[in-house]
C-alpha atoms as a PDB file:
ATOM      1  CA  MET A   1       8.932 -14.935  -9.469  1.00  0.00           C
ATOM      2  CA  THR A   2      10.902 -16.059  -5.912  1.00  0.00           C
ATOM      3  CA  ALA A   3       8.771 -16.287  -2.729  1.00  0.00           C
ATOM      4  CA  LEU A   4      10.123 -14.315   0.280  1.00  0.00           C
ATOM      5  CA  VAL A   5       8.348 -16.257   2.393  1.00  0.00           C
ATOM      6  CA  GLU A   6       7.104 -19.681   2.496  1.00  0.00           C
ATOM      7  CA  ILE A   7       4.096 -20.750   5.195  1.00  0.00           C
ATOM      8  CA  ASP A   8       3.803 -24.827   5.483  1.00  0.00           C
ATOM      9  CA  SER A   9       1.024 -26.502   7.192  1.00  0.00           C
ATOM     10  CA  LEU A  10       1.334 -24.070   9.877  1.00  0.00           C
ATOM     11  CA  GLN A  11      -0.713 -24.807  13.062  1.00  0.00           C
ATOM     12  CA  LYS A  12      -1.095 -22.067  16.189  1.00  0.00           C
ATOM     13  CA  HIS A  13      -3.518 -23.523  18.992  1.00  0.00           C
ATOM     14  CA  PHE A  14      -4.298 -21.442  21.824  1.00  0.00           C
ATOM     15  CA  PRO A  15      -5.036 -23.544  25.187  1.00  0.00           C
ATOM     16  CA  VAL A  16      -8.552 -22.797  27.117  1.00  0.00           C
ATOM     17  CA  GLY A  17     -10.198 -23.980  29.939  1.00  0.00           C
ATOM     18  CA  GLY A  18      -9.433 -27.013  31.400  1.00  0.00           C
ATOM     19  CA  GLY A  19      -9.928 -28.582  35.284  1.00  0.00           C
ATOM     20  CA  LEU A  20      -7.594 -29.025  37.918  1.00  0.00           C
ATOM     21  CA  PHE A  21      -4.280 -29.619  36.825  1.00  0.00           C
ATOM     22  CA  GLY A  22      -5.278 -28.619  33.353  1.00  0.00           C
ATOM     23  CA  ARG A  23      -7.150 -31.726  32.884  1.00  0.00           C
ATOM     24  CA  GLY A  24      -9.924 -31.788  29.871  1.00  0.00           C
ATOM     25  CA  LYS A  25      -8.378 -28.377  28.793  1.00  0.00           C
ATOM     26  CA  LYS A  26      -9.213 -27.681  25.033  1.00  0.00           C
ATOM     27  CA  GLN A  27      -7.384 -26.015  22.182  1.00  0.00           C
ATOM     28  CA  VAL A  28      -8.682 -22.924  19.981  1.00  0.00           C
ATOM     29  CA  ARG A  29      -7.339 -23.531  16.446  1.00  0.00           C
ATOM     30  CA  ALA A  30      -7.111 -20.324  15.461  1.00  0.00           C
ATOM     31  CA  LEU A  31      -4.515 -21.776  12.420  1.00  0.00           C
ATOM     32  CA  ASP A  32      -5.356 -25.248  11.335  1.00  0.00           C
ATOM     33  CA  GLY A  33      -2.596 -26.150   8.727  1.00  0.00           C
ATOM     34  CA  VAL A  34      -2.453 -22.939   6.822  1.00  0.00           C
ATOM     35  CA  SER A  35      -0.105 -23.366   3.707  1.00  0.00           C
ATOM     36  CA  LEU A  36       0.941 -19.807   1.643  1.00  0.00           C
ATOM     37  CA  SER A  37       3.822 -18.368   0.090  1.00  0.00           C
ATOM     38  CA  ILE A  38       4.142 -14.918  -0.984  1.00  0.00           C
ATOM     39  CA  GLU A  39       6.387 -13.998  -3.153  1.00  0.00           C
ATOM     40  CA  LYS A  40       8.901 -10.738  -3.764  1.00  0.00           C
ATOM     41  CA  GLY A  41       7.543  -7.617  -4.441  1.00  0.00           C
ATOM     42  CA  GLU A  42       3.738  -8.721  -4.238  1.00  0.00           C
ATOM     43  CA  ILE A  43       0.927  -7.674  -2.081  1.00  0.00           C
ATOM     44  CA  LEU A  44      -0.815 -10.709  -0.888  1.00  0.00           C
ATOM     45  CA  SER A  45      -4.210  -9.705   0.910  1.00  0.00           C
ATOM     46  CA  VAL A  46      -5.982 -11.978   3.584  1.00  0.00           C
ATOM     47  CA  VAL A  47      -9.684 -11.208   4.069  1.00  0.00           C
ATOM     48  CA  GLY A  48     -11.963 -13.154   6.068  1.00  0.00           C
ATOM     49  CA  GLU A  49     -14.616 -12.772   8.899  1.00  0.00           C
ATOM     50  CA  SER A  50     -13.676 -12.211  12.162  1.00  0.00           C
ATOM     51  CA  GLY A  51     -11.997 -15.349  13.845  1.00  0.00           C
ATOM     52  CA  SER A  52     -11.219 -16.563  10.514  1.00  0.00           C
ATOM     53  CA  GLY A  53      -7.359 -16.195  12.089  1.00  0.00           C
ATOM     54  CA  LYS A  54      -6.024 -13.579   9.835  1.00  0.00           C
ATOM     55  CA  THR A  55      -4.167 -11.572  12.889  1.00  0.00           C
ATOM     56  CA  THR A  56      -3.255 -14.852  14.238  1.00  0.00           C
ATOM     57  CA  LEU A  57      -1.433 -15.787  10.806  1.00  0.00           C
ATOM     58  CA  GLY A  58       0.633 -12.358  10.743  1.00  0.00           C
ATOM     59  CA  ARG A  59       2.035 -12.554  14.025  1.00  0.00           C
ATOM     60  CA  THR A  60       2.515 -15.969  14.268  1.00  0.00           C
ATOM     61  CA  VAL A  61       4.648 -15.299  10.445  1.00  0.00           C
ATOM     62  CA  LEU A  62       6.704 -12.899  12.186  1.00  0.00           C
ATOM     63  CA  ARG A  63       7.177 -15.027  15.335  1.00  0.00           C
ATOM     64  CA  LEU A  64       5.292 -12.514  17.654  1.00  0.00           C
ATOM     65  CA  THR A  65       3.547 -15.823  18.612  1.00  0.00           C
ATOM     66  CA  ASP A  66       5.276 -19.346  18.395  1.00  0.00           C
ATOM     67  CA  PRO A  67       3.373 -21.953  16.305  1.00  0.00           C
ATOM     68  CA  THR A  68       2.407 -24.980  17.302  1.00  0.00           C
ATOM     69  CA  ALA A  69       3.368 -26.876  14.150  1.00  0.00           C
ATOM     70  CA  GLY A  70       3.944 -26.310  10.533  1.00  0.00           C
ATOM     71  CA  ALA A  71       7.252 -24.410   9.253  1.00  0.00           C
ATOM     72  CA  ILE A  72       7.558 -20.531   8.345  1.00  0.00           C
ATOM     73  CA  ARG A  73      10.814 -19.973   6.301  1.00  0.00           C
ATOM     74  CA  PHE A  74      11.905 -16.383   5.573  1.00  0.00           C
ATOM     75  CA  GLU A  75      14.298 -15.703   2.514  1.00  0.00           C
ATOM     76  CA  GLY A  76      14.843 -19.686   2.382  1.00  0.00           C
ATOM     77  CA  GLN A  77      15.908 -19.951   5.929  1.00  0.00           C
ATOM     78  CA  ASP A  78      13.406 -21.951   8.443  1.00  0.00           C
ATOM     79  CA  ILE A  79      12.923 -19.464  11.335  1.00  0.00           C
ATOM     80  CA  THR A  80      10.093 -21.620  13.123  1.00  0.00           C
ATOM     81  CA  SER A  81      12.144 -22.525  15.939  1.00  0.00           C
ATOM     82  CA  LEU A  82      14.766 -19.995  16.355  1.00  0.00           C
ATOM     83  CA  SER A  83      15.702 -18.880  19.921  1.00  0.00           C
ATOM     84  CA  ARG A  84      15.087 -15.016  20.685  1.00  0.00           C
ATOM     85  CA  ARG A  85      18.768 -14.107  19.910  1.00  0.00           C
ATOM     86  CA  ALA A  86      18.682 -16.099  16.663  1.00  0.00           C
ATOM     87  CA  LEU A  87      15.776 -14.505  15.482  1.00  0.00           C
ATOM     88  CA  ARG A  88      17.402 -10.794  15.980  1.00  0.00           C
ATOM     89  CA  PRO A  89      19.003 -10.422  12.913  1.00  0.00           C
ATOM     90  CA  PHE A  90      15.673 -11.490  10.650  1.00  0.00           C
ATOM     91  CA  ARG A  91      13.561  -8.709  12.963  1.00  0.00           C
ATOM     92  CA  GLN A  92      15.463  -5.550  11.193  1.00  0.00           C
ATOM     93  CA  ARG A  93      13.608  -7.371   8.095  1.00  0.00           C
ATOM     94  CA  MET A  94      10.475  -8.199   9.225  1.00  0.00           C
ATOM     95  CA  GLN A  95       8.254  -5.922  10.583  1.00  0.00           C
ATOM     96  CA  LEU A  96       4.678  -4.650  11.728  1.00  0.00           C
ATOM     97  CA  VAL A  97       2.418  -2.229  11.393  1.00  0.00           C
ATOM     98  CA  PHE A  98      -0.619  -2.023  13.942  1.00  0.00           C
ATOM     99  CA  GLN A  99      -4.390  -1.543  13.300  1.00  0.00           C
ATOM    100  CA  ASP A 100      -4.966   1.304  16.032  1.00  0.00           C
ATOM    101  CA  PRO A 101      -2.499   3.518  15.263  1.00  0.00           C
ATOM    102  CA  PHE A 102      -3.224   5.345  18.799  1.00  0.00           C
ATOM    103  CA  ALA A 103      -3.196   2.189  21.017  1.00  0.00           C
ATOM    104  CA  SER A 104       0.372   1.539  19.363  1.00  0.00           C
ATOM    105  CA  LEU A 105       2.120   4.835  19.896  1.00  0.00           C
ATOM    106  CA  ASN A 106       3.686   5.716  23.464  1.00  0.00           C
ATOM    107  CA  PRO A 107       1.765   8.666  24.863  1.00  0.00           C
ATOM    108  CA  ARG A 108       4.422   9.579  27.109  1.00  0.00           C
ATOM    109  CA  GLN A 109       6.888   9.836  24.079  1.00  0.00           C
ATOM    110  CA  THR A 110       7.522  12.470  21.080  1.00  0.00           C
ATOM    111  CA  VAL A 111       7.212  11.443  17.010  1.00  0.00           C
ATOM    112  CA  GLU A 112      10.962  11.530  17.495  1.00  0.00           C
ATOM    113  CA  GLN A 113      11.317   8.948  20.338  1.00  0.00           C
ATOM    114  CA  ILE A 114       8.926   6.646  18.575  1.00  0.00           C
ATOM    115  CA  VAL A 115      10.347   6.212  15.251  1.00  0.00           C
ATOM    116  CA  ALA A 116      13.739   6.030  16.440  1.00  0.00           C
ATOM    117  CA  THR A 117      13.137   3.259  19.043  1.00  0.00           C
ATOM    118  CA  PRO A 118      13.915   0.359  16.776  1.00  0.00           C
ATOM    119  CA  LEU A 119      17.274   2.261  16.248  1.00  0.00           C
ATOM    120  CA  ALA A 120      18.116   2.246  19.352  1.00  0.00           C
ATOM    121  CA  ILE A 121      17.950  -1.415  19.658  1.00  0.00           C
ATOM    122  CA  HIS A 122      18.643  -2.664  16.648  1.00  0.00           C
ATOM    123  CA  ALA A 123      21.223   0.339  15.562  1.00  0.00           C
ATOM    124  CA  GLY A 124      23.010   1.431  18.728  1.00  0.00           C
ATOM    125  CA  GLY A 125      25.905   2.035  17.467  1.00  0.00           C
ATOM    126  CA  SER A 126      24.413   5.115  15.449  1.00  0.00           C
ATOM    127  CA  SER A 127      25.103   9.121  16.714  1.00  0.00           C
ATOM    128  CA  ALA A 128      22.017  10.758  18.062  1.00  0.00           C
ATOM    129  CA  THR A 129      22.510  13.229  15.386  1.00  0.00           C
ATOM    130  CA  GLU A 130      22.272  10.445  12.500  1.00  0.00           C
ATOM    131  CA  LYS A 131      19.289   9.087  14.072  1.00  0.00           C
ATOM    132  CA  ARG A 132      17.565  12.293  14.146  1.00  0.00           C
ATOM    133  CA  GLU A 133      18.581  12.665  10.585  1.00  0.00           C
ATOM    134  CA  ARG A 134      16.980   9.305   9.455  1.00  0.00           C
ATOM    135  CA  VAL A 135      13.986  10.116  11.528  1.00  0.00           C
ATOM    136  CA  ALA A 136      13.654  13.244   9.394  1.00  0.00           C
ATOM    137  CA  ASP A 137      14.016  11.828   6.189  1.00  0.00           C
ATOM    138  CA  MET A 138      11.675   8.737   7.211  1.00  0.00           C
ATOM    139  CA  LEU A 139       8.642  11.298   8.457  1.00  0.00           C
ATOM    140  CA  ARG A 140       9.406  12.726   5.147  1.00  0.00           C
ATOM    141  CA  LEU A 141       9.085   9.458   3.133  1.00  0.00           C
ATOM    142  CA  VAL A 142       5.581   8.935   4.750  1.00  0.00           C
ATOM    143  CA  GLY A 143       4.212  12.145   3.780  1.00  0.00           C
ATOM    144  CA  LEU A 144       4.674  14.177   7.085  1.00  0.00           C
ATOM    145  CA  GLN A 145       7.402  16.950   8.136  1.00  0.00           C
ATOM    146  CA  PRO A 146      10.442  17.135  10.281  1.00  0.00           C
ATOM    147  CA  HIS A 147       8.830  19.370  12.654  1.00  0.00           C
ATOM    148  CA  HIS A 148       6.410  16.314  13.579  1.00  0.00           C
ATOM    149  CA  ALA A 149       9.273  15.151  15.106  1.00  0.00           C
ATOM    150  CA  ASP A 150       8.323  17.008  18.436  1.00  0.00           C
ATOM    151  CA  ARG A 151       5.051  16.427  18.815  1.00  0.00           C
ATOM    152  CA  TYR A 152       3.569  13.525  20.961  1.00  0.00           C
ATOM    153  CA  PRO A 153       0.501  11.588  19.715  1.00  0.00           C
ATOM    154  CA  HIS A 154      -2.418  13.120  21.236  1.00  0.00           C
ATOM    155  CA  GLU A 155      -1.129  16.354  18.875  1.00  0.00           C
ATOM    156  CA  LEU A 156      -1.308  14.669  15.485  1.00  0.00           C
ATOM    157  CA  SER A 157      -4.868  12.929  13.346  1.00  0.00           C
ATOM    158  CA  GLY A 158      -5.807   9.076  13.197  1.00  0.00           C
ATOM    159  CA  GLY A 159      -3.684   9.389   9.765  1.00  0.00           C
ATOM    160  CA  GLN A 160      -0.645  11.275  10.701  1.00  0.00           C
ATOM    161  CA  ARG A 161      -0.427   8.565  13.676  1.00  0.00           C
ATOM    162  CA  GLN A 162      -0.955   5.857  11.530  1.00  0.00           C
ATOM    163  CA  ARG A 163       2.030   7.355   9.008  1.00  0.00           C
ATOM    164  CA  VAL A 164       4.160   7.447  12.154  1.00  0.00           C
ATOM    165  CA  GLY A 165       3.591   3.748  12.550  1.00  0.00           C
ATOM    166  CA  ILE A 166       4.465   2.969   9.170  1.00  0.00           C
ATOM    167  CA  ALA A 167       7.700   5.071   9.706  1.00  0.00           C
ATOM    168  CA  ARG A 168       8.561   3.271  12.641  1.00  0.00           C
ATOM    169  CA  ALA A 169       8.091  -0.089  10.977  1.00  0.00           C
ATOM    170  CA  LEU A 170      10.429   1.063   7.609  1.00  0.00           C
ATOM    171  CA  ILE A 171      12.907   2.986   9.771  1.00  0.00           C
ATOM    172  CA  LEU A 172      15.208  -0.578   9.781  1.00  0.00           C
ATOM    173  CA  ASN A 173      14.409  -1.052   6.218  1.00  0.00           C
ATOM    174  CA  PRO A 174      12.757  -4.190   6.075  1.00  0.00           C
ATOM    175  CA  SER A 175      11.886  -6.248   3.206  1.00  0.00           C
ATOM    176  CA  PHE A 176       8.605  -7.624   4.250  1.00  0.00           C
ATOM    177  CA  LEU A 177       5.907  -5.976   6.382  1.00  0.00           C
ATOM    178  CA  VAL A 178       2.415  -7.273   7.855  1.00  0.00           C
ATOM    179  CA  ALA A 179      -0.176  -4.494   7.910  1.00  0.00           C
ATOM    180  CA  ASP A 180      -3.074  -5.445  10.097  1.00  0.00           C
ATOM    181  CA  GLU A 181      -5.900  -3.399   8.996  1.00  0.00           C
ATOM    182  CA  PRO A 182      -3.507  -0.626   8.843  1.00  0.00           C
ATOM    183  CA  VAL A 183      -6.972   1.670   7.635  1.00  0.00           C
ATOM    184  CA  SER A 184      -9.957   0.516   9.420  1.00  0.00           C
ATOM    185  CA  ALA A 185      -9.386   2.432  12.122  1.00  0.00           C
ATOM    186  CA  LEU A 186      -9.320   5.922  10.034  1.00  0.00           C
ATOM    187  CA  ASP A 187     -11.966   8.084   8.585  1.00  0.00           C
ATOM    188  CA  VAL A 188     -12.956   6.612   5.007  1.00  0.00           C
ATOM    189  CA  SER A 189     -11.330   9.985   3.603  1.00  0.00           C
ATOM    190  CA  ILE A 190      -8.071   8.869   5.258  1.00  0.00           C
ATOM    191  CA  GLN A 191      -8.160   5.291   4.270  1.00  0.00           C
ATOM    192  CA  ALA A 192      -7.728   6.177   0.601  1.00  0.00           C
ATOM    193  CA  GLN A 193      -4.234   7.994   1.242  1.00  0.00           C
ATOM    194  CA  VAL A 194      -2.358   5.648   3.429  1.00  0.00           C
ATOM    195  CA  VAL A 195      -3.288   2.380   1.209  1.00  0.00           C
ATOM    196  CA  ASN A 196      -1.962   4.740  -1.938  1.00  0.00           C
ATOM    197  CA  LEU A 197       0.876   5.720   0.817  1.00  0.00           C
ATOM    198  CA  LEU A 198       1.578   1.770   1.225  1.00  0.00           C
ATOM    199  CA  LEU A 199       1.347   1.236  -2.658  1.00  0.00           C
ATOM    200  CA  GLU A 200       4.095   3.912  -3.031  1.00  0.00           C
ATOM    201  CA  LEU A 201       6.077   2.752  -0.584  1.00  0.00           C
ATOM    202  CA  LYS A 202       5.940  -0.509  -1.699  1.00  0.00           C
ATOM    203  CA  GLU A 203       7.615   0.760  -5.241  1.00  0.00           C
ATOM    204  CA  LYS A 204      10.005   3.050  -3.613  1.00  0.00           C
ATOM    205  CA  LEU A 205      11.406   0.772  -1.051  1.00  0.00           C
ATOM    206  CA  GLY A 206      10.827  -2.846  -3.015  1.00  0.00           C
ATOM    207  CA  LEU A 207       8.345  -3.801   0.210  1.00  0.00           C
ATOM    208  CA  THR A 208       6.597  -7.465   0.190  1.00  0.00           C
ATOM    209  CA  ILE A 209       3.247  -6.735   1.874  1.00  0.00           C
ATOM    210  CA  LEU A 210       1.624  -8.960   3.964  1.00  0.00           C
ATOM    211  CA  PHE A 211      -2.432  -6.813   3.828  1.00  0.00           C
ATOM    212  CA  ILE A 212      -4.732  -7.978   6.494  1.00  0.00           C
ATOM    213  CA  ALA A 213      -8.154  -6.494   5.888  1.00  0.00           C
ATOM    214  CA  HIS A 214     -12.164  -6.615   6.028  1.00  0.00           C
ATOM    215  CA  ASP A 215     -12.924  -3.844   3.512  1.00  0.00           C
ATOM    216  CA  LEU A 216     -12.902  -5.847   0.301  1.00  0.00           C
ATOM    217  CA  ALA A 217     -13.127  -2.638  -1.764  1.00  0.00           C
ATOM    218  CA  VAL A 218      -9.352  -1.667  -0.244  1.00  0.00           C
ATOM    219  CA  VAL A 219      -8.658  -5.020  -0.442  1.00  0.00           C
ATOM    220  CA  GLY A 220      -9.252  -5.055  -4.651  1.00  0.00           C
ATOM    221  CA  HIS A 221      -7.507  -1.467  -4.956  1.00  0.00           C
ATOM    222  CA  ILE A 222      -4.327  -2.661  -3.296  1.00  0.00           C
ATOM    223  CA  SER A 223      -3.573  -6.316  -3.798  1.00  0.00           C
ATOM    224  CA  ASP A 224      -1.746  -8.515  -6.246  1.00  0.00           C
ATOM    225  CA  ARG A 225      -3.306 -11.677  -5.159  1.00  0.00           C
ATOM    226  CA  ILE A 226      -5.950 -12.636  -2.375  1.00  0.00           C
ATOM    227  CA  ALA A 227      -6.035 -15.386   0.244  1.00  0.00           C
ATOM    228  CA  VAL A 228      -9.513 -16.045   1.485  1.00  0.00           C
ATOM    229  CA  MET A 229      -9.578 -17.582   5.508  1.00  0.00           C
ATOM    230  CA  TYR A 230     -12.377 -18.996   7.305  1.00  0.00           C
ATOM    231  CA  LEU A 231     -12.153 -20.811  10.764  1.00  0.00           C
ATOM    232  CA  GLY A 232      -8.394 -21.065  10.420  1.00  0.00           C
ATOM    233  CA  ARG A 233      -7.683 -22.249   7.291  1.00  0.00           C
ATOM    234  CA  VAL A 234      -7.009 -20.807   4.096  1.00  0.00           C
ATOM    235  CA  VAL A 235     -10.385 -21.726   1.592  1.00  0.00           C
ATOM    236  CA  GLU A 236      -9.269 -19.936  -1.926  1.00  0.00           C
ATOM    237  CA  VAL A 237      -5.990 -17.937  -2.962  1.00  0.00           C
ATOM    238  CA  ALA A 238      -6.032 -16.462  -6.816  1.00  0.00           C
ATOM    239  CA  GLU A 239      -4.833 -12.768  -8.183  1.00  0.00           C
ATOM    240  CA  THR A 240      -6.930 -10.051  -7.430  1.00  0.00           C
ATOM    241  CA  GLY A 241      -9.051  -9.898 -10.588  1.00  0.00           C
ATOM    242  CA  THR A 242      -9.653 -13.678 -10.927  1.00  0.00           C
ATOM    243  CA  LEU A 243     -10.799 -13.841  -7.712  1.00  0.00           C
ATOM    244  CA  PHE A 244     -13.476 -10.897  -8.226  1.00  0.00           C
ATOM    245  CA  ARG A 245     -14.349 -12.246 -11.737  1.00  0.00           C
ATOM    246  CA  SER A 246     -14.681 -15.830 -10.822  1.00  0.00           C
ATOM    247  CA  PRO A 247     -14.602 -17.452  -7.295  1.00  0.00           C
ATOM    248  CA  ARG A 248     -14.679 -20.899  -6.749  1.00  0.00           C
ATOM    249  CA  HIS A 249     -15.387 -21.514  -3.311  1.00  0.00           C
ATOM    250  CA  PRO A 250     -18.851 -20.494  -1.912  1.00  0.00           C
ATOM    251  CA  TYR A 251     -17.584 -18.701   0.993  1.00  0.00           C
ATOM    252  CA  THR A 252     -15.800 -16.452  -1.412  1.00  0.00           C
ATOM    253  CA  GLU A 253     -18.801 -15.666  -3.329  1.00  0.00           C
ATOM    254  CA  ALA A 254     -21.004 -15.211   0.041  1.00  0.00           C
ATOM    255  CA  LEU A 255     -18.006 -13.174   1.385  1.00  0.00           C
ATOM    256  CA  PHE A 256     -17.721 -10.691  -1.788  1.00  0.00           C
ATOM    257  CA  SER A 257     -21.772 -10.743  -2.674  1.00  0.00           C
ATOM    258  CA  ALA A 258     -21.823  -8.433   0.854  1.00  0.00           C
ATOM    259  CA  ALA A 259     -19.403  -6.358  -0.038  1.00  0.00           C
ATOM    260  CA  PRO A 260     -21.549  -2.963  -1.039  1.00  0.00           C
ATOM    261  CA  ILE A 261     -21.216  -1.667  -4.919  1.00  0.00           C
ATOM    262  CA  PRO A 262     -20.614   2.152  -5.349  1.00  0.00           C
ATOM    263  CA  ASP A 263     -22.534   2.120  -8.747  1.00  0.00           C
ATOM    264  CA  PRO A 264     -26.850   1.967  -8.221  1.00  0.00           C
ATOM    265  CA  THR A 265     -27.453   1.072 -11.555  1.00  0.00           C
ATOM    266  CA  VAL A 266     -25.614  -2.748 -10.637  1.00  0.00           C
ATOM    267  CA  ARG A 267     -28.080  -4.888  -9.080  1.00  0.00           C
ATOM    268  CA  ARG A 268     -26.552  -8.269  -7.597  1.00  0.00           C
ATOM    269  CA  SER A 269     -28.367 -11.291  -5.476  1.00  0.00           C
ATOM    270  CA  ARG A 270     -27.117 -11.728  -2.187  1.00  0.00           C
ATOM    271  CA  VAL A 271     -25.755 -14.876  -1.152  1.00  0.00           C
ATOM    272  CA  LEU A 272     -26.762 -15.135   2.597  1.00  0.00           C
ATOM    273  CA  LEU A 273     -25.116 -16.789   5.358  1.00  0.00           C
ATOM    274  CA  GLN A 274     -27.227 -18.890   7.694  1.00  0.00           C
ATOM    275  CA  GLY A 275     -25.699 -18.658  11.499  1.00  0.00           C
ATOM    276  CA  ASP A 276     -22.421 -17.551  12.947  1.00  0.00           C
ATOM    277  CA  ILE A 277     -18.770 -18.854  12.289  1.00  0.00           C
ATOM    278  CA  PRO A 278     -18.378 -22.091  14.105  1.00  0.00           C
ATOM    279  CA  SER A 279     -16.165 -21.957  17.247  1.00  0.00           C
ATOM    280  CA  PRO A 280     -12.727 -22.976  16.495  1.00  0.00           C
ATOM    281  CA  ILE A 281     -12.686 -25.025  19.829  1.00  0.00           C
ATOM    282  CA  ASP A 282     -14.793 -27.402  18.410  1.00  0.00           C
ATOM    283  CA  PRO A 283     -15.025 -26.730  14.391  1.00  0.00           C
ATOM    284  CA  PRO A 284     -17.230 -29.099  12.088  1.00  0.00           C
ATOM    285  CA  SER A 285     -16.087 -32.270  10.490  1.00  0.00           C
ATOM    286  CA  GLY A 286     -14.685 -32.688   7.281  1.00  0.00           C
ATOM    287  CA  CYS A 287     -15.454 -29.209   5.431  1.00  0.00           C
ATOM    288  CA  ALA A 288     -15.166 -26.457   8.185  1.00  0.00           C
ATOM    289  CA  PHE A 289     -17.804 -24.384   5.665  1.00  0.00           C
ATOM    290  CA  ARG A 290     -19.807 -27.280   5.037  1.00  0.00           C
ATOM    291  CA  THR A 291     -22.539 -26.331   7.997  1.00  0.00           C
ATOM    292  CA  ARG A 292     -23.014 -22.278   6.387  1.00  0.00           C
ATOM    293  CA  CYS A 293     -22.805 -23.951   2.925  1.00  0.00           C
ATOM    294  CA  ARG A 294     -26.018 -23.949   0.599  1.00  0.00           C
ATOM    295  CA  HIS A 295     -24.011 -26.369  -1.712  1.00  0.00           C
ATOM    296  CA  ALA A 296     -23.185 -28.809   0.898  1.00  0.00           C
ATOM    297  CA  LEU A 297     -23.160 -32.376   0.165  1.00  0.00           C
ATOM    298  CA  PRO A 298     -23.211 -35.521   2.597  1.00  0.00           C
ATOM    299  CA  GLU A 299     -19.384 -35.834   1.680  1.00  0.00           C
ATOM    300  CA  CYS A 300     -18.757 -32.420   2.678  1.00  0.00           C
ATOM    301  CA  ALA A 301     -19.081 -34.022   6.414  1.00  0.00           C
ATOM    302  CA  THR A 302     -16.266 -37.016   6.027  1.00  0.00           C
ATOM    303  CA  VAL A 303     -13.120 -35.373   4.718  1.00  0.00           C
ATOM    304  CA  VAL A 304     -10.810 -32.196   4.894  1.00  0.00           C
ATOM    305  CA  PRO A 305     -10.792 -31.206   1.636  1.00  0.00           C
ATOM    306  CA  PRO A 306      -7.346 -29.988   0.270  1.00  0.00           C
ATOM    307  CA  LEU A 307      -6.426 -26.644  -1.229  1.00  0.00           C
ATOM    308  CA  ARG A 308      -6.029 -27.796  -4.964  1.00  0.00           C
ATOM    309  CA  GLN A 309      -5.175 -25.962  -8.226  1.00  0.00           C
ATOM    310  CA  VAL A 310      -8.663 -25.154  -9.746  1.00  0.00           C
ATOM    311  CA  GLY A 311      -6.769 -22.618 -12.735  1.00  0.00           C
ATOM    312  CA  PRO A 312      -3.528 -20.794 -13.212  1.00  0.00           C
ATOM    313  CA  GLY A 313      -2.323 -19.829 -10.195  1.00  0.00           C
ATOM    314  CA  HIS A 314      -5.954 -20.836  -8.737  1.00  0.00           C
ATOM    315  CA  LEU A 315      -6.106 -22.718  -5.730  1.00  0.00           C
ATOM    316  CA  SER A 316      -9.403 -23.913  -3.720  1.00  0.00           C
ATOM    317  CA  ALA A 317     -10.561 -25.876  -1.142  1.00  0.00           C
ATOM    318  CA  CYS A 318     -14.168 -27.320  -2.219  1.00  0.00           C
ATOM    319  CA  ILE A 319     -15.046 -30.579  -3.892  1.00  0.00           C
ATOM    320  CA  ARG A 320     -17.578 -28.766  -5.857  1.00  0.00           C
ATOM    321  CA  ASP A 321     -16.413 -28.184  -9.359  1.00  0.00           C
ATOM    322  CA  ASP A 322     -19.737 -28.553 -10.843  1.00  0.00           C
ATOM    323  CA  ILE A 323     -21.260 -25.203  -9.307  1.00  0.00           C
ATOM    324  CA  ALA A 324     -21.230 -21.734 -11.003  1.00  0.00           C
ATOM    325  CA  LEU A 325     -20.693 -19.243  -8.760  1.00  0.00           C
ATOM    326  CA  GLN A 326     -21.757 -15.675  -8.375  1.00  0.00           C
ATOM    327  CA  ALA A 327     -19.005 -12.723  -9.819  1.00  0.00           C
ATOM    328  CA  SER A 328     -18.448  -9.709  -7.555  1.00  0.00           C
ATOM    329  CA  ILE A 329     -17.235  -6.302  -8.897  1.00  0.00           C
ATOM    330  CA  ALA A 330     -14.002  -5.354  -7.438  1.00  0.00           C
END
């Protein structure tokens, strides 16, 4: 397969605090050397606790925030340092679906105006009739009807609003979509519909999707591969089935053991993590997970473990190859 998006040693630091004239200012290491590739036509999911850097990764890859260091390549071209004007052609092919389907829509605009906004920016030469027809076609594609075009966001359900957000993201025919927890704000009964819609759109339109989520059941259903993040770093990457069956990083084991199993006859021991995720302002030395890891050794404090291959297509950032970890159930 060919990589559509390549991320190389990506860092994003946010300055905080500091005294007079910025002296003593500290840095929040939201991303601390992330390297990933996203293949054409695949869905790569990113999971991890709150504060692990998932959303920052999605926004930085799209250049909605500028990286501190590292490189981002889209379709083989380095877009890391491109100006806003130089980025404009790429904006059409890289789009974002937001988490909150209500806050991300302008309450003063109709659905037609919302979905047509990207066309006004990137396809200004189109006539009003052409734009109206494209909006109607896109609404049908995401499971809405043309008459929804005249409604306002408050007149729609949460699921319908998220479909509007998806339609807006797809109106320019992008090849790459970042879905930032697109179902977490929806009722459980609606989540499956939106997830299945994304799968259908991926097949119909040939989309490549970076899917950010907390819900491991959703991730297990939609993903081709999964990347696990902890404190701004990727600690494990593998195909979905492989990761659920044989995790190789203790954090992945603990994270997946917390996911509920829908079968009451299945029993599984719970791996409990001690304490909260450390501060990204002052992360632990060596392996950032060692302060909560039951398998930690003294040497875990001295060296940052690299993300290395531990199996076919399976990468892990842990020095403990001698431990057997508990499998999960997708």
